[in-house]
Amino acid sequence: MTSALYPTYPRADLAFKHGEGAWLIAENGDRFLDFSAGVAVLSLGHNHPHLVETLKRAAEEPWHVSNLFRIPQAERLAERLCDATFADLVFFTNSGAEAVECAIKTARKFHAVNGQPERYRLITFEGAFHGRTLATIAAGGNAKYLDGFGPPVEGFDQVPFGDFDAVEAAITQETAGVLLEPIQGEGGLRVFSPSFLARLRELCDARGLLLVLDEVQCGVGRTGKFLACEHAGVTPDIVALAKGLGGGFPLGACLATREAAKGMTLGAHGSTFGGNPLATAVGGAVLDVVLEEGFMARVARLGALLRQRLAELEDRFPSLIEEIRGEGLMFGLKMRIPNGDFAAAARAEGLLTVLAGDNVVRLLPPLIIDESDVAAAASRLFAACARLAAPIEKLGAA
């Protein structure tokens, strides 16, 4: 394919003309069950009537006025996010990377106004993905994303995944806090245990550190709780959100306690587009649905059903699937074959998935799926596995 776009994405030769719920229709009429959801963005699926109607109404009002004036839609959304979480204050952004950048700056500024500007370093974990800005690729530490962009931004100390002793050993007089995804998305759906997160919270309290969570992918109800850290009963100081928060409209947010955000005073940070009327109106519509009574319990129930179907698949095709990871409607299949081969086979059967690190294929369906969608996904996954296992079994027989 030729295009005037930067060639930075390995795009499949597919374009879509219509979507409804968890389904997409390609230009040639082929029908796909979308278990990628725009990489966990389409929390309410395609063409959700409440989001569409909200956007239409918002488009008839001022689209953008800048943060030089009050934006009632942003004020209402911020209040609702605070009511639903630990937070007291919110800063709106356009993306997850910007939300994480704001979280990093918030953590650093907290210590600076406490008279300890030397405390600017954050401990991060191998396998992390925090975005594509210069600071967030440094926080993630992935050599693939750092290559060619000059010296990495200073201020991040990476330790092995889930290694509590390594976290303790990495703390110095320059440490400001710990930054992690409760469930690593790009890193292969690796889940930090509740006990690990609880110990981390205790350690941060004991050492005067901030606990900063990147819930860009795992937040906004995807795990069956509004924030994934709720499964561990852990209260963070700062959280970055995005992806599902806008349901497909670019929107991110940095949430913080009033204490953690006390350095973010007039002029400390800004964004031209962040929190504009269109984006925050749509974000409010997403919360109308996600915070509705019983919605997240339904996500948890359907997640349990999907996990059961995936376990059956793992039992039937052990030569292909090594492990199932995840929580709620955020799953990863660690493959014994190249994950790209499996994703291609699933796409050939009409199921869209997402690749991740550690040879994992992600399943990130819209949160509005029902039992029939789970059954359809299981059927397509079975067909993909059967397609791939046949040559392996034939080779074994030979």
Protein backbone atom coordinates (compact mmCIF):
# COMPACT_ATOMS: atom_id res chain seq x y z
CA MET A 1 0.00 0.00 0.00
CA THR A 2 1.15 3.55 -0.72
CA SER A 3 0.04 6.53 1.33
CA ALA A 4 1.08 10.04 2.29
CA LEU A 5 0.98 8.96 5.93
CA TYR A 6 4.17 8.26 7.89
CA PRO A 7 4.88 4.52 7.46
CA THR A 8 5.06 3.97 11.22
CA TYR A 9 2.23 1.44 11.54
CA PRO A 10 2.01 -2.15 10.22
CA ARG A 11 -1.51 -1.58 8.86
CA ALA A 12 -3.69 -4.51 7.79
CA ASP A 13 -5.18 -4.00 4.33
CA LEU A 14 -8.64 -3.42 5.76
CA ALA A 15 -10.85 -0.33 5.81
CA PHE A 16 -14.27 -0.15 7.46
CA LYS A 17 -17.40 1.67 6.36
CA HIS A 18 -19.80 0.89 9.20
CA GLY A 19 -19.82 -0.28 12.80
CA GLU A 20 -22.54 -1.33 15.20
CA GLY A 21 -21.91 -2.43 18.76
CA ALA A 22 -19.05 -4.93 18.71
CA TRP A 23 -19.18 -5.42 14.94
CA LEU A 24 -17.44 -3.76 11.99
CA ILE A 25 -18.31 -3.98 8.28
CA ALA A 26 -15.41 -3.65 5.84
CA GLU A 27 -15.60 -1.80 2.56
CA ASN A 28 -15.95 -5.13 0.72
CA GLY A 29 -18.86 -6.18 2.95
CA ASP A 30 -16.93 -8.60 5.17
CA ARG A 31 -18.17 -8.64 8.77
CA PHE A 32 -15.77 -8.65 11.74
CA LEU A 33 -16.28 -9.09 15.47
CA ASP A 34 -14.16 -6.31 16.96
CA PHE A 35 -12.27 -7.63 19.99
CA SER A 36 -9.65 -4.92 19.57
CA ALA A 37 -12.00 -1.97 20.18
CA GLY A 38 -9.46 0.47 18.80
CA VAL A 39 -6.95 -0.86 21.36
CA ALA A 40 -9.34 -0.67 24.34
CA VAL A 41 -10.69 2.73 23.27
CA LEU A 42 -14.24 1.92 22.16
CA SER A 43 -15.60 1.18 25.61
CA LEU A 44 -19.19 1.45 24.35
CA GLY A 45 -18.54 -0.07 20.94
CA HIS A 46 -19.35 1.41 17.56
CA ASN A 47 -22.17 3.86 16.86
CA HIS A 48 -23.48 3.88 20.43
CA PRO A 49 -26.71 5.93 20.26
CA HIS A 50 -26.09 7.90 23.45
CA LEU A 51 -22.57 8.91 22.36
CA VAL A 52 -23.72 9.79 18.85
CA GLU A 53 -26.59 11.93 20.11
CA THR A 54 -24.37 13.63 22.70
CA LEU A 55 -21.75 14.49 20.06
CA LYS A 56 -24.40 15.85 17.70
CA ARG A 57 -25.79 18.12 20.41
CA ALA A 58 -22.30 19.23 21.46
CA ALA A 59 -21.41 20.03 17.84
CA GLU A 60 -24.20 22.61 17.75
CA GLU A 61 -22.63 24.46 20.67
CA PRO A 62 -19.12 26.02 20.80
CA TRP A 63 -16.62 23.28 19.91
CA HIS A 64 -13.66 25.02 21.46
CA VAL A 65 -13.14 28.07 23.63
CA SER A 66 -9.74 27.28 25.22
CA ASN A 67 -8.96 26.99 28.89
CA LEU A 68 -8.86 30.77 29.20
CA PHE A 69 -12.57 30.46 30.02
CA ARG A 70 -14.77 28.20 32.10
CA ILE A 71 -15.86 24.98 30.39
CA PRO A 72 -18.96 23.64 32.21
CA GLN A 73 -18.76 20.26 30.45
CA ALA A 74 -15.22 19.76 31.77
CA GLU A 75 -16.20 20.89 35.25
CA ARG A 76 -19.07 18.39 35.38
CA LEU A 77 -16.93 15.54 34.06
CA ALA A 78 -14.16 16.30 36.56
CA GLU A 79 -16.65 16.28 39.44
CA ARG A 80 -18.05 12.93 38.32
CA LEU A 81 -14.58 11.39 38.02
CA CYS A 82 -13.74 12.58 41.52
CA ASP A 83 -17.02 11.21 42.88
CA ALA A 84 -16.30 7.83 41.27
CA THR A 85 -12.69 7.56 42.47
CA PHE A 86 -10.12 8.54 45.09
CA ALA A 87 -9.38 11.85 43.35
CA ASP A 88 -9.99 15.45 44.36
CA LEU A 89 -8.72 17.17 41.21
CA VAL A 90 -8.51 16.42 37.47
CA PHE A 91 -6.46 17.76 34.56
CA PHE A 92 -7.81 16.88 31.10
CA THR A 93 -5.58 15.94 28.17
CA ASN A 94 -6.01 14.64 24.62
CA SER A 95 -4.28 11.27 25.01
CA GLY A 96 -2.92 8.70 27.40
CA ALA A 97 0.67 9.78 26.87
CA GLU A 98 -0.26 13.35 27.81
CA ALA A 99 -2.11 12.07 30.88
CA VAL A 100 1.00 10.16 31.98
CA GLU A 101 3.18 13.21 31.27
CA CYS A 102 0.91 15.24 33.53
CA ALA A 103 1.13 12.52 36.19
CA ILE A 104 4.95 12.60 36.04
CA LYS A 105 5.01 16.39 36.31
CA THR A 106 2.50 16.31 39.17
CA ALA A 107 4.66 13.87 41.12
CA ARG A 108 7.83 15.89 40.57
CA LYS A 109 6.18 19.21 41.43
CA PHE A 110 4.77 17.76 44.66
CA HIS A 111 8.25 17.22 46.04
CA ALA A 112 9.54 20.51 44.64
CA VAL A 113 6.95 22.54 46.56
CA ASN A 114 7.77 20.44 49.63
CA GLY A 115 11.30 21.83 49.42
CA GLN A 116 12.83 18.67 47.92
CA PRO A 117 13.30 19.38 44.18
CA GLU A 118 15.98 16.69 44.06
CA ARG A 119 13.22 14.09 44.42
CA TYR A 120 12.22 13.77 40.77
CA ARG A 121 12.94 10.14 39.88
CA LEU A 122 10.24 7.50 39.39
CA ILE A 123 10.71 3.76 39.75
CA THR A 124 9.14 1.90 36.79
CA PHE A 125 8.93 -1.74 35.71
CA GLU A 126 10.23 -3.84 32.86
CA GLY A 127 7.55 -4.47 30.25
CA ALA A 128 5.84 -1.14 30.91
CA PHE A 129 4.33 1.03 28.21
CA HIS A 130 3.44 4.60 29.17
CA GLY A 131 3.21 6.35 25.78
CA ARG A 132 5.33 7.68 22.93
CA THR A 133 6.53 11.09 24.12
CA LEU A 134 10.20 11.44 25.00
CA ALA A 135 9.46 11.23 28.72
CA THR A 136 7.01 8.33 28.50
CA ILE A 137 9.24 6.17 26.29
CA ALA A 138 12.00 6.75 28.85
CA ALA A 139 9.59 5.67 31.60
CA GLY A 140 8.70 2.52 29.64
CA GLY A 141 12.35 1.74 28.96
CA ASN A 142 11.70 -0.36 25.85
CA ALA A 143 14.81 -0.20 23.66
CA LYS A 144 12.67 -0.59 20.53
CA TYR A 145 10.85 2.68 21.24
CA LEU A 146 13.95 4.53 22.48
CA ASP A 147 16.17 3.72 19.51
CA GLY A 148 17.20 6.71 17.44
CA PHE A 149 15.73 9.44 19.63
CA GLY A 150 18.86 10.50 21.43
CA PRO A 151 19.68 10.13 25.12
CA PRO A 152 16.66 8.94 27.14
CA VAL A 153 15.03 11.54 29.37
CA GLU A 154 16.53 11.31 32.85
CA GLY A 155 14.52 10.42 35.90
CA PHE A 156 13.41 6.80 35.61
CA ASP A 157 14.81 3.73 37.36
CA GLN A 158 13.49 0.47 35.97
CA VAL A 159 13.21 -2.75 37.98
CA PRO A 160 12.05 -6.28 37.08
CA PHE A 161 8.31 -6.90 36.92
CA GLY A 162 6.79 -7.66 40.33
CA ASP A 163 10.12 -7.60 42.17
CA PHE A 164 9.37 -5.88 45.49
CA ASP A 165 12.92 -6.22 46.81
CA ALA A 166 14.21 -4.50 43.67
CA VAL A 167 11.81 -1.62 44.27
CA GLU A 168 13.09 -1.18 47.82
CA ALA A 169 16.70 -1.34 46.63
CA ALA A 170 16.07 1.27 43.93
CA ILE A 171 14.83 3.94 46.35
CA THR A 172 17.26 6.80 46.86
CA GLN A 173 17.07 10.35 48.18
CA GLU A 174 16.09 11.37 44.63
CA THR A 175 13.07 9.05 44.38
CA ALA A 176 9.71 10.78 43.99
CA GLY A 177 7.46 7.75 43.59
CA VAL A 178 6.59 4.54 41.79
CA LEU A 179 4.85 4.44 38.40
CA LEU A 180 3.16 1.32 37.05
CA GLU A 181 0.22 -0.11 35.12
CA PRO A 182 -1.80 -2.44 37.40
CA ILE A 183 -2.16 -4.59 34.28
CA GLN A 184 0.53 -4.15 31.65
CA GLY A 185 -1.22 -3.81 28.30
CA GLU A 186 1.48 -3.50 25.66
CA GLY A 187 3.79 -5.53 27.90
CA GLY A 188 1.70 -8.68 27.53
CA LEU A 189 -1.27 -8.46 29.92
CA ARG A 190 0.88 -9.14 32.94
CA VAL A 191 -1.11 -8.49 36.13
CA PHE A 192 0.46 -7.13 39.30
CA SER A 193 -0.95 -9.13 42.20
CA PRO A 194 -3.20 -7.42 44.76
CA SER A 195 -0.71 -8.28 47.49
CA PHE A 196 2.13 -6.65 45.54
CA LEU A 197 0.13 -3.45 45.02
CA ALA A 198 -0.82 -3.39 48.71
CA ARG A 199 2.83 -3.77 49.77
CA LEU A 200 3.79 -1.03 47.33
CA ARG A 201 1.24 1.32 48.86
CA GLU A 202 2.63 0.62 52.33
CA LEU A 203 6.19 1.18 51.11
CA CYS A 204 5.29 4.50 49.48
CA ASP A 205 3.60 5.68 52.67
CA ALA A 206 6.59 4.66 54.78
CA ARG A 207 9.13 6.35 52.51
CA GLY A 208 7.21 9.50 51.59
CA LEU A 209 6.74 8.43 47.95
CA LEU A 210 3.79 8.90 45.61
CA LEU A 211 2.05 5.89 44.06
CA VAL A 212 1.34 6.81 40.44
CA LEU A 213 -0.80 4.46 38.35
CA ASP A 214 -1.14 4.34 34.59
CA GLU A 215 -4.68 3.07 34.02
CA VAL A 216 -4.89 4.37 30.49
CA GLN A 217 -5.77 0.89 29.19
CA CYS A 218 -7.12 -0.92 32.24
CA GLY A 219 -9.25 1.89 33.70
CA VAL A 220 -12.82 3.13 33.10
CA GLY A 221 -14.50 -0.17 33.92
CA ARG A 222 -12.49 -2.51 31.70
CA THR A 223 -11.63 -4.90 34.53
CA GLY A 224 -15.08 -4.84 36.14
CA LYS A 225 -14.09 -2.01 38.49
CA PHE A 226 -13.84 1.63 37.49
CA LEU A 227 -10.12 1.55 38.35
CA ALA A 228 -8.18 -1.70 38.20
CA CYS A 229 -6.42 -0.86 41.48
CA GLU A 230 -9.78 -1.27 43.26
CA HIS A 231 -9.37 -5.04 42.97
CA ALA A 232 -6.45 -4.71 45.39
CA GLY A 233 -8.20 -2.22 47.65
CA VAL A 234 -5.36 0.22 46.96
CA THR A 235 -5.76 4.00 46.89
CA PRO A 236 -3.22 5.72 44.62
CA ASP A 237 -2.05 9.33 44.74
CA ILE A 238 -2.19 9.96 41.00
CA VAL A 239 -3.83 8.07 38.12
CA ALA A 240 -3.62 8.58 34.35
CA LEU A 241 -6.72 7.70 32.30
CA ALA A 242 -7.56 7.86 28.59
CA LYS A 243 -8.61 5.33 25.91
CA GLY A 244 -12.06 4.18 27.10
CA LEU A 245 -12.78 7.50 28.81
CA GLY A 246 -13.73 9.14 25.50
CA GLY A 247 -15.29 6.06 23.93
CA GLY A 248 -13.43 6.87 20.69
CA PHE A 249 -13.15 10.64 21.06
CA PRO A 250 -9.60 11.76 22.01
CA LEU A 251 -9.70 12.38 25.75
CA GLY A 252 -7.34 11.72 28.64
CA ALA A 253 -7.23 12.75 32.27
CA CYS A 254 -4.80 12.95 35.14
CA LEU A 255 -6.54 12.38 38.48
CA ALA A 256 -4.91 13.24 41.80
CA THR A 257 -5.55 13.83 45.45
CA ARG A 258 -5.48 17.49 46.47
CA GLU A 259 -2.28 16.83 48.41
CA ALA A 260 -0.48 15.15 45.51
CA ALA A 261 -1.53 17.94 43.13
CA LYS A 262 -0.64 20.82 45.41
CA GLY A 263 2.25 21.87 43.19
CA MET A 264 0.07 22.17 40.08
CA THR A 265 -0.81 25.80 40.59
CA LEU A 266 -1.52 28.62 38.17
CA GLY A 267 0.67 28.25 35.07
CA ALA A 268 2.31 24.98 36.14
CA HIS A 269 0.80 23.02 33.26
CA GLY A 270 -1.47 23.57 30.29
CA SER A 271 -3.10 22.20 27.16
CA THR A 272 -4.69 24.04 24.23
CA PHE A 273 -7.22 21.34 23.38
CA GLY A 274 -7.34 19.39 26.64
CA GLY A 275 -10.78 19.30 28.22
CA ASN A 276 -12.54 21.13 25.41
CA PRO A 277 -16.37 21.13 25.27
CA LEU A 278 -16.70 18.43 22.59
CA ALA A 279 -14.36 15.95 24.25
CA THR A 280 -15.70 16.35 27.78
CA ALA A 281 -19.31 16.21 26.63
CA VAL A 282 -18.60 12.81 25.08
CA GLY A 283 -16.65 11.73 28.17
CA GLY A 284 -19.69 12.59 30.25
CA ALA A 285 -21.84 10.41 28.00
CA VAL A 286 -19.43 7.50 28.47
CA LEU A 287 -19.75 7.86 32.25
CA ASP A 288 -23.54 7.96 31.94
CA VAL A 289 -23.32 4.35 30.76
CA VAL A 290 -20.27 2.99 32.58
CA LEU A 291 -21.37 4.32 35.98
CA GLU A 292 -24.92 3.09 35.54
CA GLU A 293 -25.91 0.66 38.31
CA GLY A 294 -24.96 -2.90 37.42
CA PHE A 295 -22.82 -2.03 34.38
CA MET A 296 -19.44 -2.98 35.84
CA ALA A 297 -20.87 -6.06 37.54
CA ARG A 298 -22.03 -7.10 34.07
CA VAL A 299 -18.52 -6.52 32.69
CA ALA A 300 -17.14 -8.77 35.44
CA ARG A 301 -19.74 -11.47 34.70
CA LEU A 302 -19.07 -11.45 30.96
CA GLY A 303 -15.35 -11.42 31.67
CA ALA A 304 -15.73 -14.57 33.75
CA LEU A 305 -17.70 -16.17 30.91
CA LEU A 306 -15.04 -15.21 28.37
CA ARG A 307 -12.28 -16.52 30.65
CA GLN A 308 -14.12 -19.86 30.85
CA ARG A 309 -14.30 -20.08 27.05
CA LEU A 310 -10.62 -19.19 26.77
CA ALA A 311 -9.71 -21.86 29.34
CA GLU A 312 -11.58 -24.43 27.22
CA LEU A 313 -9.59 -23.25 24.23
CA GLU A 314 -6.32 -23.56 26.16
CA ASP A 315 -7.22 -27.12 27.19
CA ARG A 316 -8.10 -28.08 23.62
CA PHE A 317 -5.05 -26.47 21.96
CA PRO A 318 -2.08 -26.66 24.37
CA SER A 319 0.32 -26.70 21.42
CA LEU A 320 -0.82 -23.15 20.58
CA ILE A 321 -1.80 -21.44 23.84
CA GLU A 322 0.59 -21.33 26.76
CA GLU A 323 -1.26 -19.11 29.23
CA ILE A 324 -4.35 -16.92 29.71
CA ARG A 325 -3.86 -13.59 31.45
CA GLY A 326 -6.06 -10.68 32.39
CA GLU A 327 -9.09 -9.44 34.28
CA GLY A 328 -12.63 -8.39 33.36
CA LEU A 329 -12.76 -7.79 29.60
CA MET A 330 -9.01 -7.37 29.23
CA PHE A 331 -7.40 -10.67 28.27
CA GLY A 332 -4.16 -11.87 26.74
CA LEU A 333 -3.34 -15.20 25.18
CA LYS A 334 0.36 -16.00 25.50
CA MET A 335 1.09 -18.04 22.42
CA ARG A 336 3.49 -20.90 21.70
CA ILE A 337 3.50 -19.85 18.04
CA PRO A 338 4.22 -16.31 16.74
CA ASN A 339 1.41 -14.09 17.98
CA GLY A 340 1.16 -12.39 14.59
CA ASP A 341 0.32 -15.74 12.97
CA PHE A 342 -2.50 -16.26 15.44
CA ALA A 343 -3.88 -12.73 14.99
CA ALA A 344 -3.88 -13.23 11.21
CA ALA A 345 -5.72 -16.55 11.56
CA ALA A 346 -8.30 -14.95 13.86
CA ARG A 347 -8.78 -12.10 11.39
CA ALA A 348 -9.31 -14.66 8.61
CA GLU A 349 -12.12 -16.07 10.76
CA GLY A 350 -13.67 -12.63 11.26
CA LEU A 351 -12.25 -11.71 14.67
CA LEU A 352 -10.08 -8.62 15.28
CA THR A 353 -7.46 -8.80 18.04
CA VAL A 354 -4.40 -6.77 19.13
CA LEU A 355 -0.79 -7.86 19.47
CA ALA A 356 1.21 -7.25 22.65
CA GLY A 357 4.68 -7.92 23.96
CA ASP A 358 5.81 -11.26 25.38
CA ASN A 359 4.24 -13.01 22.34
CA VAL A 360 0.72 -12.21 23.53
CA VAL A 361 -2.51 -11.61 21.60
CA ARG A 362 -4.86 -9.19 23.35
CA LEU A 363 -8.65 -9.52 23.48
CA LEU A 364 -10.13 -6.10 24.32
CA PRO A 365 -13.81 -6.15 23.35
CA PRO A 366 -16.18 -3.24 23.86
CA LEU A 367 -17.65 -3.32 27.35
CA ILE A 368 -21.19 -3.52 25.92
CA ILE A 369 -20.80 -7.03 24.48
CA ASP A 370 -23.33 -9.71 25.40
CA GLU A 371 -23.32 -13.50 25.72
CA SER A 372 -23.87 -13.96 21.99
CA ASP A 373 -20.74 -11.92 21.25
CA VAL A 374 -18.72 -14.06 23.66
CA ALA A 375 -20.04 -17.18 21.94
CA ALA A 376 -19.22 -15.75 18.50
CA ALA A 377 -15.69 -14.86 19.63
CA ALA A 378 -15.14 -18.33 21.09
CA SER A 379 -16.33 -19.92 17.85
CA ARG A 380 -13.96 -17.80 15.76
CA LEU A 381 -11.06 -18.42 18.12
CA PHE A 382 -11.71 -22.17 17.93
CA ALA A 383 -11.71 -22.01 14.14
CA ALA A 384 -8.47 -20.04 14.14
CA CYS A 385 -6.84 -22.54 16.48
CA ALA A 386 -8.05 -25.48 14.40
CA ARG A 387 -6.65 -23.82 11.28
CA LEU A 388 -3.24 -23.40 12.94
CA ALA A 389 -3.13 -26.67 14.88
CA ALA A 390 -3.75 -28.89 11.88
CA PRO A 391 -0.24 -28.44 10.39
CA ILE A 392 1.33 -28.85 13.86
CA GLU A 393 -0.58 -32.09 14.50
CA LYS A 394 0.24 -33.38 11.01
CA LEU A 395 3.92 -32.61 11.65
CA GLY A 396 3.75 -34.44 14.99
CA ALA A 397 2.16 -37.48 13.37
CA ALA A 398 4.90 -37.57 10.75
